Amino acid sequence: MSVEYRLAPENKYPAAPEDAYSATKWVAEHAGDIGGDPRRIAVGGDGAGGNLAAVVTLMARERGTPSLVFQILIYPMLDASTMRPSWFTESDAPTVTRESKHKLLSTYLPITANLGDSFVSPIRAQNFKNLPPALLMTYGGHDPMRIEGEEYIRLLKEDGVVAEVSLYPQAIHGFFLMAGDLDAGKKCIDEVATTLRNAFNSTPTGSSVKSVPRSTPRN
């Protein structure tokens, strides 16, 4: 399912994550109508979509539904801040710079938004317990978000979530969408498919996420 969530600037946060969550919940509730299995639902996305996928897992945990068995995060934006050192040393690629991120966030977020809100910056969640297993794809060169991605996986692991990073050393931002031209994109699609197939095949009957109170920003 591809979610046609509302876009900024006409529809600022929280329109996009709420749409993504509502669509995921609809799929769970209507899985039988569309030939799906409500026990085997995963979320995933690349870039901004990776942010939404991570946010949906937090929303599902807080709200107690739907049950999610996996999350695929492809070079995701997990922290709205650009104060990490990598944003000063690795952001010289033409597609991902501090300036471009600031411009995009000013379009996406209302001026009253809290950058520490976990539904804006998933890495700022108070804890990561009871979230679905994760696979995060990143690339080696000029990726200012790689460090926060690796940190996010570490935080998931510390809270008992099965999670790993898959590094594509020679790839560039957007490579997942360039499978028609880049071998790295083809390999990434194959890795996603294999990972999800294994996750779905190993999902026990009656699996569910546990509801926890709303996360507060992590300092």
C-alpha atoms as a PDB file:
ATOM      1  CA  MET A   1       0.000   0.000   0.000  1.00  0.00           C
ATOM      2  CA  SER A   2       1.335   3.426  -0.952  1.00  0.00           C
ATOM      3  CA  VAL A   3      -0.033   6.208   1.241  1.00  0.00           C
ATOM      4  CA  GLU A   4      -1.008   9.450  -0.480  1.00  0.00           C
ATOM      5  CA  TYR A   5      -0.645  11.549   2.652  1.00  0.00           C
ATOM      6  CA  ARG A   6      -1.335  15.264   2.631  1.00  0.00           C
ATOM      7  CA  LEU A   7       1.660  17.375   1.694  1.00  0.00           C
ATOM      8  CA  ALA A   8       3.155  20.597   2.999  1.00  0.00           C
ATOM      9  CA  PRO A   9       3.095  23.531   2.766  1.00  0.00           C
ATOM     10  CA  GLU A  10      -0.669  23.406   2.270  1.00  0.00           C
ATOM     11  CA  ASN A  11      -0.948  20.801   5.027  1.00  0.00           C
ATOM     12  CA  LYS A  12       1.689  21.144   7.699  1.00  0.00           C
ATOM     13  CA  TYR A  13       2.596  18.722  10.483  1.00  0.00           C
ATOM     14  CA  PRO A  14       0.886  16.677  11.902  1.00  0.00           C
ATOM     15  CA  ALA A  15      -1.133  16.054   8.725  1.00  0.00           C
ATOM     16  CA  ALA A  16       1.394  13.689   7.131  1.00  0.00           C
ATOM     17  CA  PRO A  17       2.071  11.389  10.118  1.00  0.00           C
ATOM     18  CA  GLU A  18      -1.597  11.282  11.068  1.00  0.00           C
ATOM     19  CA  ASP A  19      -2.495  10.309   7.489  1.00  0.00           C
ATOM     20  CA  ALA A  20       0.231   7.659   7.464  1.00  0.00           C
ATOM     21  CA  TYR A  21      -1.005   6.257  10.758  1.00  0.00           C
ATOM     22  CA  SER A  22      -4.664   6.330   9.689  1.00  0.00           C
ATOM     23  CA  ALA A  23      -3.829   4.496   6.462  1.00  0.00           C
ATOM     24  CA  THR A  24      -1.861   1.854   8.355  1.00  0.00           C
ATOM     25  CA  LYS A  25      -4.717   1.391  10.788  1.00  0.00           C
ATOM     26  CA  TRP A  26      -7.189   1.112   7.866  1.00  0.00           C
ATOM     27  CA  VAL A  27      -5.063  -1.611   6.281  1.00  0.00           C
ATOM     28  CA  ALA A  28      -5.091  -3.568   9.535  1.00  0.00           C
ATOM     29  CA  GLU A  29      -8.848  -3.225   9.906  1.00  0.00           C
ATOM     30  CA  HIS A  30      -9.597  -4.088   6.250  1.00  0.00           C
ATOM     31  CA  ALA A  31      -6.795  -6.536   5.514  1.00  0.00           C
ATOM     32  CA  GLY A  32      -9.234  -9.332   4.796  1.00  0.00           C
ATOM     33  CA  ASP A  33     -11.076  -7.182   2.246  1.00  0.00           C
ATOM     34  CA  ILE A  34      -7.912  -6.592   0.216  1.00  0.00           C
ATOM     35  CA  GLY A  35      -6.379 -10.056   0.472  1.00  0.00           C
ATOM     36  CA  GLY A  36      -3.997  -9.165   3.280  1.00  0.00           C
ATOM     37  CA  ASP A  37      -3.141 -10.626   6.662  1.00  0.00           C
ATOM     38  CA  PRO A  38      -3.685  -8.271   9.634  1.00  0.00           C
ATOM     39  CA  ARG A  39      -1.047 -10.210  11.585  1.00  0.00           C
ATOM     40  CA  ARG A  40       1.635  -9.428   9.000  1.00  0.00           C
ATOM     41  CA  ILE A  41       1.860  -5.676   8.510  1.00  0.00           C
ATOM     42  CA  ALA A  42       5.102  -3.751   8.180  1.00  0.00           C
ATOM     43  CA  VAL A  43       5.834  -0.098   7.497  1.00  0.00           C
ATOM     44  CA  GLY A  44       8.654   1.418   5.522  1.00  0.00           C
ATOM     45  CA  GLY A  45       9.842   4.437   3.624  1.00  0.00           C
ATOM     46  CA  ASP A  46      12.845   6.347   2.338  1.00  0.00           C
ATOM     47  CA  GLY A  47      13.992   9.804   3.390  1.00  0.00           C
ATOM     48  CA  ALA A  48      10.973  11.718   4.687  1.00  0.00           C
ATOM     49  CA  GLY A  49       8.988   8.511   4.243  1.00  0.00           C
ATOM     50  CA  GLY A  50      11.436   6.792   6.574  1.00  0.00           C
ATOM     51  CA  ASN A  51      10.641   9.441   9.159  1.00  0.00           C
ATOM     52  CA  LEU A  52       6.910   8.748   8.766  1.00  0.00           C
ATOM     53  CA  ALA A  53       7.434   4.985   9.021  1.00  0.00           C
ATOM     54  CA  ALA A  54       9.342   5.388  12.291  1.00  0.00           C
ATOM     55  CA  VAL A  55       6.711   7.804  13.611  1.00  0.00           C
ATOM     56  CA  VAL A  56       3.903   5.379  12.749  1.00  0.00           C
ATOM     57  CA  THR A  57       5.553   2.700  14.895  1.00  0.00           C
ATOM     58  CA  LEU A  58       5.574   5.117  17.836  1.00  0.00           C
ATOM     59  CA  MET A  59       1.941   6.084  17.210  1.00  0.00           C
ATOM     60  CA  ALA A  60       0.891   2.451  16.967  1.00  0.00           C
ATOM     61  CA  ARG A  61       2.669   1.669  20.230  1.00  0.00           C
ATOM     62  CA  GLU A  62       1.095   4.614  22.030  1.00  0.00           C
ATOM     63  CA  ARG A  63      -2.402   3.978  20.685  1.00  0.00           C
ATOM     64  CA  GLY A  64      -2.239   0.200  21.011  1.00  0.00           C
ATOM     65  CA  THR A  65      -3.013  -0.550  17.382  1.00  0.00           C
ATOM     66  CA  PRO A  66      -2.294  -1.680  14.735  1.00  0.00           C
ATOM     67  CA  SER A  67       0.055  -4.591  15.262  1.00  0.00           C
ATOM     68  CA  LEU A  68       3.259  -4.077  13.275  1.00  0.00           C
ATOM     69  CA  VAL A  69       5.828  -6.788  12.697  1.00  0.00           C
ATOM     70  CA  PHE A  70       8.638  -4.809  11.048  1.00  0.00           C
ATOM     71  CA  GLN A  71       9.911  -1.391  10.004  1.00  0.00           C
ATOM     72  CA  ILE A  72      12.104  -0.635   6.996  1.00  0.00           C
ATOM     73  CA  LEU A  73      13.898   2.705   7.256  1.00  0.00           C
ATOM     74  CA  ILE A  74      15.841   3.798   4.181  1.00  0.00           C
ATOM     75  CA  TYR A  75      18.163   6.769   4.817  1.00  0.00           C
ATOM     76  CA  PRO A  76      15.450   8.225   7.104  1.00  0.00           C
ATOM     77  CA  MET A  77      15.285  11.649   8.701  1.00  0.00           C
ATOM     78  CA  LEU A  78      15.100  10.794  12.408  1.00  0.00           C
ATOM     79  CA  ASP A  79      16.135  14.064  14.036  1.00  0.00           C
ATOM     80  CA  ALA A  80      14.904  17.505  13.019  1.00  0.00           C
ATOM     81  CA  SER A  81      18.009  19.065  14.522  1.00  0.00           C
ATOM     82  CA  THR A  82      21.049  19.792  12.349  1.00  0.00           C
ATOM     83  CA  MET A  83      23.459  20.302  15.227  1.00  0.00           C
ATOM     84  CA  ARG A  84      25.149  16.918  15.032  1.00  0.00           C
ATOM     85  CA  PRO A  85      28.758  17.152  13.779  1.00  0.00           C
ATOM     86  CA  SER A  86      27.890  15.131  10.663  1.00  0.00           C
ATOM     87  CA  TRP A  87      25.775  18.018   9.391  1.00  0.00           C
ATOM     88  CA  PHE A  88      28.921  20.136   9.301  1.00  0.00           C
ATOM     89  CA  THR A  89      31.290  17.515   7.879  1.00  0.00           C
ATOM     90  CA  GLU A  90      29.160  15.298   5.609  1.00  0.00           C
ATOM     91  CA  SER A  91      26.575  17.626   4.108  1.00  0.00           C
ATOM     92  CA  ASP A  92      28.333  18.733   0.935  1.00  0.00           C
ATOM     93  CA  ALA A  93      26.284  16.477  -1.346  1.00  0.00           C
ATOM     94  CA  PRO A  94      23.993  18.507  -3.631  1.00  0.00           C
ATOM     95  CA  THR A  95      20.802  16.807  -2.422  1.00  0.00           C
ATOM     96  CA  VAL A  96      21.311  16.841   1.355  1.00  0.00           C
ATOM     97  CA  THR A  97      22.631  19.969   3.071  1.00  0.00           C
ATOM     98  CA  ARG A  98      21.870  21.827   6.277  1.00  0.00           C
ATOM     99  CA  GLU A  99      20.332  24.596   4.218  1.00  0.00           C
ATOM    100  CA  SER A 100      18.057  22.266   2.262  1.00  0.00           C
ATOM    101  CA  LYS A 101      16.937  20.525   5.443  1.00  0.00           C
ATOM    102  CA  HIS A 102      16.135  23.842   7.133  1.00  0.00           C
ATOM    103  CA  LYS A 103      14.121  24.901   4.100  1.00  0.00           C
ATOM    104  CA  LEU A 104      12.177  21.642   3.986  1.00  0.00           C
ATOM    105  CA  LEU A 105      11.450  21.676   7.708  1.00  0.00           C
ATOM    106  CA  SER A 106      10.250  25.282   7.557  1.00  0.00           C
ATOM    107  CA  THR A 107       7.772  24.099   4.924  1.00  0.00           C
ATOM    108  CA  TYR A 108       6.745  20.963   6.818  1.00  0.00           C
ATOM    109  CA  LEU A 109       6.485  22.264  10.381  1.00  0.00           C
ATOM    110  CA  PRO A 110       4.362  25.064  11.844  1.00  0.00           C
ATOM    111  CA  ILE A 111       6.352  27.715  13.670  1.00  0.00           C
ATOM    112  CA  THR A 112       5.031  26.395  16.986  1.00  0.00           C
ATOM    113  CA  ALA A 113       6.380  22.871  16.407  1.00  0.00           C
ATOM    114  CA  ASN A 114       8.693  21.301  18.974  1.00  0.00           C
ATOM    115  CA  LEU A 115      11.733  19.758  17.276  1.00  0.00           C
ATOM    116  CA  GLY A 116      12.072  17.424  20.259  1.00  0.00           C
ATOM    117  CA  ASP A 117       8.616  15.923  19.786  1.00  0.00           C
ATOM    118  CA  SER A 118       9.047  12.219  19.073  1.00  0.00           C
ATOM    119  CA  PHE A 119       6.486  12.426  16.268  1.00  0.00           C
ATOM    120  CA  VAL A 120       8.767  14.997  14.606  1.00  0.00           C
ATOM    121  CA  SER A 121      12.110  13.491  15.645  1.00  0.00           C
ATOM    122  CA  PRO A 122      11.637   9.776  16.408  1.00  0.00           C
ATOM    123  CA  ILE A 123      15.141   9.541  17.839  1.00  0.00           C
ATOM    124  CA  ARG A 124      14.038  11.837  20.688  1.00  0.00           C
ATOM    125  CA  ALA A 125      11.489   9.342  22.045  1.00  0.00           C
ATOM    126  CA  GLN A 126      11.809   8.643  25.759  1.00  0.00           C
ATOM    127  CA  ASN A 127      12.193   4.935  25.082  1.00  0.00           C
ATOM    128  CA  PHE A 128      11.971   2.429  22.246  1.00  0.00           C
ATOM    129  CA  LYS A 129      10.534  -0.588  24.012  1.00  0.00           C
ATOM    130  CA  ASN A 130       7.938  -2.770  22.260  1.00  0.00           C
ATOM    131  CA  LEU A 131       8.644  -1.315  18.830  1.00  0.00           C
ATOM    132  CA  PRO A 132       8.799  -3.679  15.827  1.00  0.00           C
ATOM    133  CA  PRO A 133      12.157  -5.018  14.605  1.00  0.00           C
ATOM    134  CA  ALA A 134      13.963  -2.672  12.255  1.00  0.00           C
ATOM    135  CA  LEU A 135      16.297  -2.641   9.282  1.00  0.00           C
ATOM    136  CA  LEU A 136      17.856   0.716   8.461  1.00  0.00           C
ATOM    137  CA  MET A 137      19.592   1.331   5.147  1.00  0.00           C
ATOM    138  CA  THR A 138      22.178   4.039   4.828  1.00  0.00           C
ATOM    139  CA  TYR A 139      24.978   4.968   2.474  1.00  0.00           C
ATOM    140  CA  GLY A 140      28.630   5.661   3.069  1.00  0.00           C
ATOM    141  CA  GLY A 141      29.596   8.948   1.520  1.00  0.00           C
ATOM    142  CA  HIS A 142      28.210  12.404   2.260  1.00  0.00           C
ATOM    143  CA  ASP A 143      25.241  11.184   4.298  1.00  0.00           C
ATOM    144  CA  PRO A 144      24.756  13.580   7.224  1.00  0.00           C
ATOM    145  CA  MET A 145      21.886  11.409   8.485  1.00  0.00           C
ATOM    146  CA  ARG A 146      23.957   8.219   8.701  1.00  0.00           C
ATOM    147  CA  ILE A 147      25.186   8.914  12.230  1.00  0.00           C
ATOM    148  CA  GLU A 148      21.698   9.544  13.608  1.00  0.00           C
ATOM    149  CA  GLY A 149      20.479   6.418  11.825  1.00  0.00           C
ATOM    150  CA  GLU A 150      23.166   4.296  13.430  1.00  0.00           C
ATOM    151  CA  GLU A 151      22.393   5.901  16.791  1.00  0.00           C
ATOM    152  CA  TYR A 152      18.689   5.123  16.359  1.00  0.00           C
ATOM    153  CA  ILE A 153      19.455   1.461  15.755  1.00  0.00           C
ATOM    154  CA  ARG A 154      21.675   1.432  18.843  1.00  0.00           C
ATOM    155  CA  LEU A 155      18.868   2.924  20.950  1.00  0.00           C
ATOM    156  CA  LEU A 156      16.416   0.335  19.637  1.00  0.00           C
ATOM    157  CA  LYS A 157      18.806  -2.457  20.565  1.00  0.00           C
ATOM    158  CA  GLU A 158      19.364  -1.020  24.040  1.00  0.00           C
ATOM    159  CA  ASP A 159      15.607  -1.267  24.626  1.00  0.00           C
ATOM    160  CA  GLY A 160      15.437  -4.856  23.449  1.00  0.00           C
ATOM    161  CA  VAL A 161      14.357  -4.340  19.826  1.00  0.00           C
ATOM    162  CA  VAL A 162      15.978  -6.490  17.137  1.00  0.00           C
ATOM    163  CA  ALA A 163      17.528  -3.980  14.754  1.00  0.00           C
ATOM    164  CA  GLU A 164      20.396  -3.664  12.305  1.00  0.00           C
ATOM    165  CA  VAL A 165      22.016  -1.294   9.849  1.00  0.00           C
ATOM    166  CA  SER A 166      22.754  -2.161   6.237  1.00  0.00           C
ATOM    167  CA  LEU A 167      25.423   0.095   4.726  1.00  0.00           C
ATOM    168  CA  TYR A 168      25.734   0.786   0.999  1.00  0.00           C
ATOM    169  CA  PRO A 169      29.211   2.371   0.875  1.00  0.00           C
ATOM    170  CA  GLN A 170      29.200   3.675  -2.700  1.00  0.00           C
ATOM    171  CA  ALA A 171      25.563   4.767  -2.920  1.00  0.00           C
ATOM    172  CA  ILE A 172      24.059   8.266  -2.941  1.00  0.00           C
ATOM    173  CA  HIS A 173      20.937   9.786  -1.439  1.00  0.00           C
ATOM    174  CA  GLY A 174      17.893   8.508  -3.279  1.00  0.00           C
ATOM    175  CA  PHE A 175      19.597   5.359  -4.557  1.00  0.00           C
ATOM    176  CA  PHE A 176      16.645   3.189  -3.528  1.00  0.00           C
ATOM    177  CA  LEU A 177      14.508   4.997  -6.099  1.00  0.00           C
ATOM    178  CA  MET A 178      17.159   4.618  -8.812  1.00  0.00           C
ATOM    179  CA  ALA A 179      17.060   0.843  -9.163  1.00  0.00           C
ATOM    180  CA  GLY A 180      16.551   1.227 -12.901  1.00  0.00           C
ATOM    181  CA  ASP A 181      20.067   2.635 -13.179  1.00  0.00           C
ATOM    182  CA  LEU A 182      21.962   1.742  -9.999  1.00  0.00           C
ATOM    183  CA  ASP A 183      22.940  -1.742  -8.881  1.00  0.00           C
ATOM    184  CA  ALA A 184      22.804  -0.531  -5.279  1.00  0.00           C
ATOM    185  CA  GLY A 185      19.122   0.274  -5.745  1.00  0.00           C
ATOM    186  CA  LYS A 186      18.426  -3.210  -7.107  1.00  0.00           C
ATOM    187  CA  LYS A 187      20.328  -4.805  -4.228  1.00  0.00           C
ATOM    188  CA  CYS A 188      18.467  -2.667  -1.692  1.00  0.00           C
ATOM    189  CA  ILE A 189      15.071  -3.692  -3.085  1.00  0.00           C
ATOM    190  CA  ASP A 190      16.111  -7.347  -2.929  1.00  0.00           C
ATOM    191  CA  GLU A 191      17.293  -6.921   0.660  1.00  0.00           C
ATOM    192  CA  VAL A 192      14.017  -5.276   1.665  1.00  0.00           C
ATOM    193  CA  ALA A 193      11.998  -8.044   0.011  1.00  0.00           C
ATOM    194  CA  THR A 194      14.019 -10.819   1.645  1.00  0.00           C
ATOM    195  CA  THR A 195      13.876  -9.159   5.051  1.00  0.00           C
ATOM    196  CA  LEU A 196      10.111  -8.673   4.921  1.00  0.00           C
ATOM    197  CA  ARG A 197       9.522 -12.187   3.601  1.00  0.00           C
ATOM    198  CA  ASN A 198      11.476 -13.597   6.535  1.00  0.00           C
ATOM    199  CA  ALA A 199       9.671 -11.326   9.002  1.00  0.00           C
ATOM    200  CA  PHE A 200       6.228 -12.284   7.709  1.00  0.00           C
ATOM    201  CA  ASN A 201       7.051 -15.994   7.639  1.00  0.00           C
ATOM    202  CA  SER A 202       8.253 -15.935  11.235  1.00  0.00           C
ATOM    203  CA  THR A 203       5.365 -13.886  12.661  1.00  0.00           C
ATOM    204  CA  PRO A 204       3.391 -15.896  15.237  1.00  0.00           C
ATOM    205  CA  THR A 205      -0.386 -15.802  15.398  1.00  0.00           C
ATOM    206  CA  GLY A 206      -1.773 -13.099  17.667  1.00  0.00           C
ATOM    207  CA  SER A 207       1.293 -10.853  17.645  1.00  0.00           C
ATOM    208  CA  SER A 208       0.558  -7.282  18.805  1.00  0.00           C
ATOM    209  CA  VAL A 209       2.171  -4.058  19.923  1.00  0.00           C
ATOM    210  CA  LYS A 210       1.754  -2.971  23.509  1.00  0.00           C
ATOM    211  CA  SER A 211       0.308   0.411  24.356  1.00  0.00           C
ATOM    212  CA  VAL A 212       2.549   2.753  26.347  1.00  0.00           C
ATOM    213  CA  PRO A 213       2.143   6.395  27.383  1.00  0.00           C
ATOM    214  CA  ARG A 214       3.107   9.121  24.917  1.00  0.00           C
ATOM    215  CA  SER A 215       6.865   9.529  24.656  1.00  0.00           C
ATOM    216  CA  THR A 216       8.441  12.715  25.929  1.00  0.00           C
ATOM    217  CA  PRO A 217      11.468  14.316  24.286  1.00  0.00           C
ATOM    218  CA  ARG A 218      14.839  12.735  24.993  1.00  0.00           C
ATOM    219  CA  ASN A 219      17.453  15.272  26.051  1.00  0.00           C
END
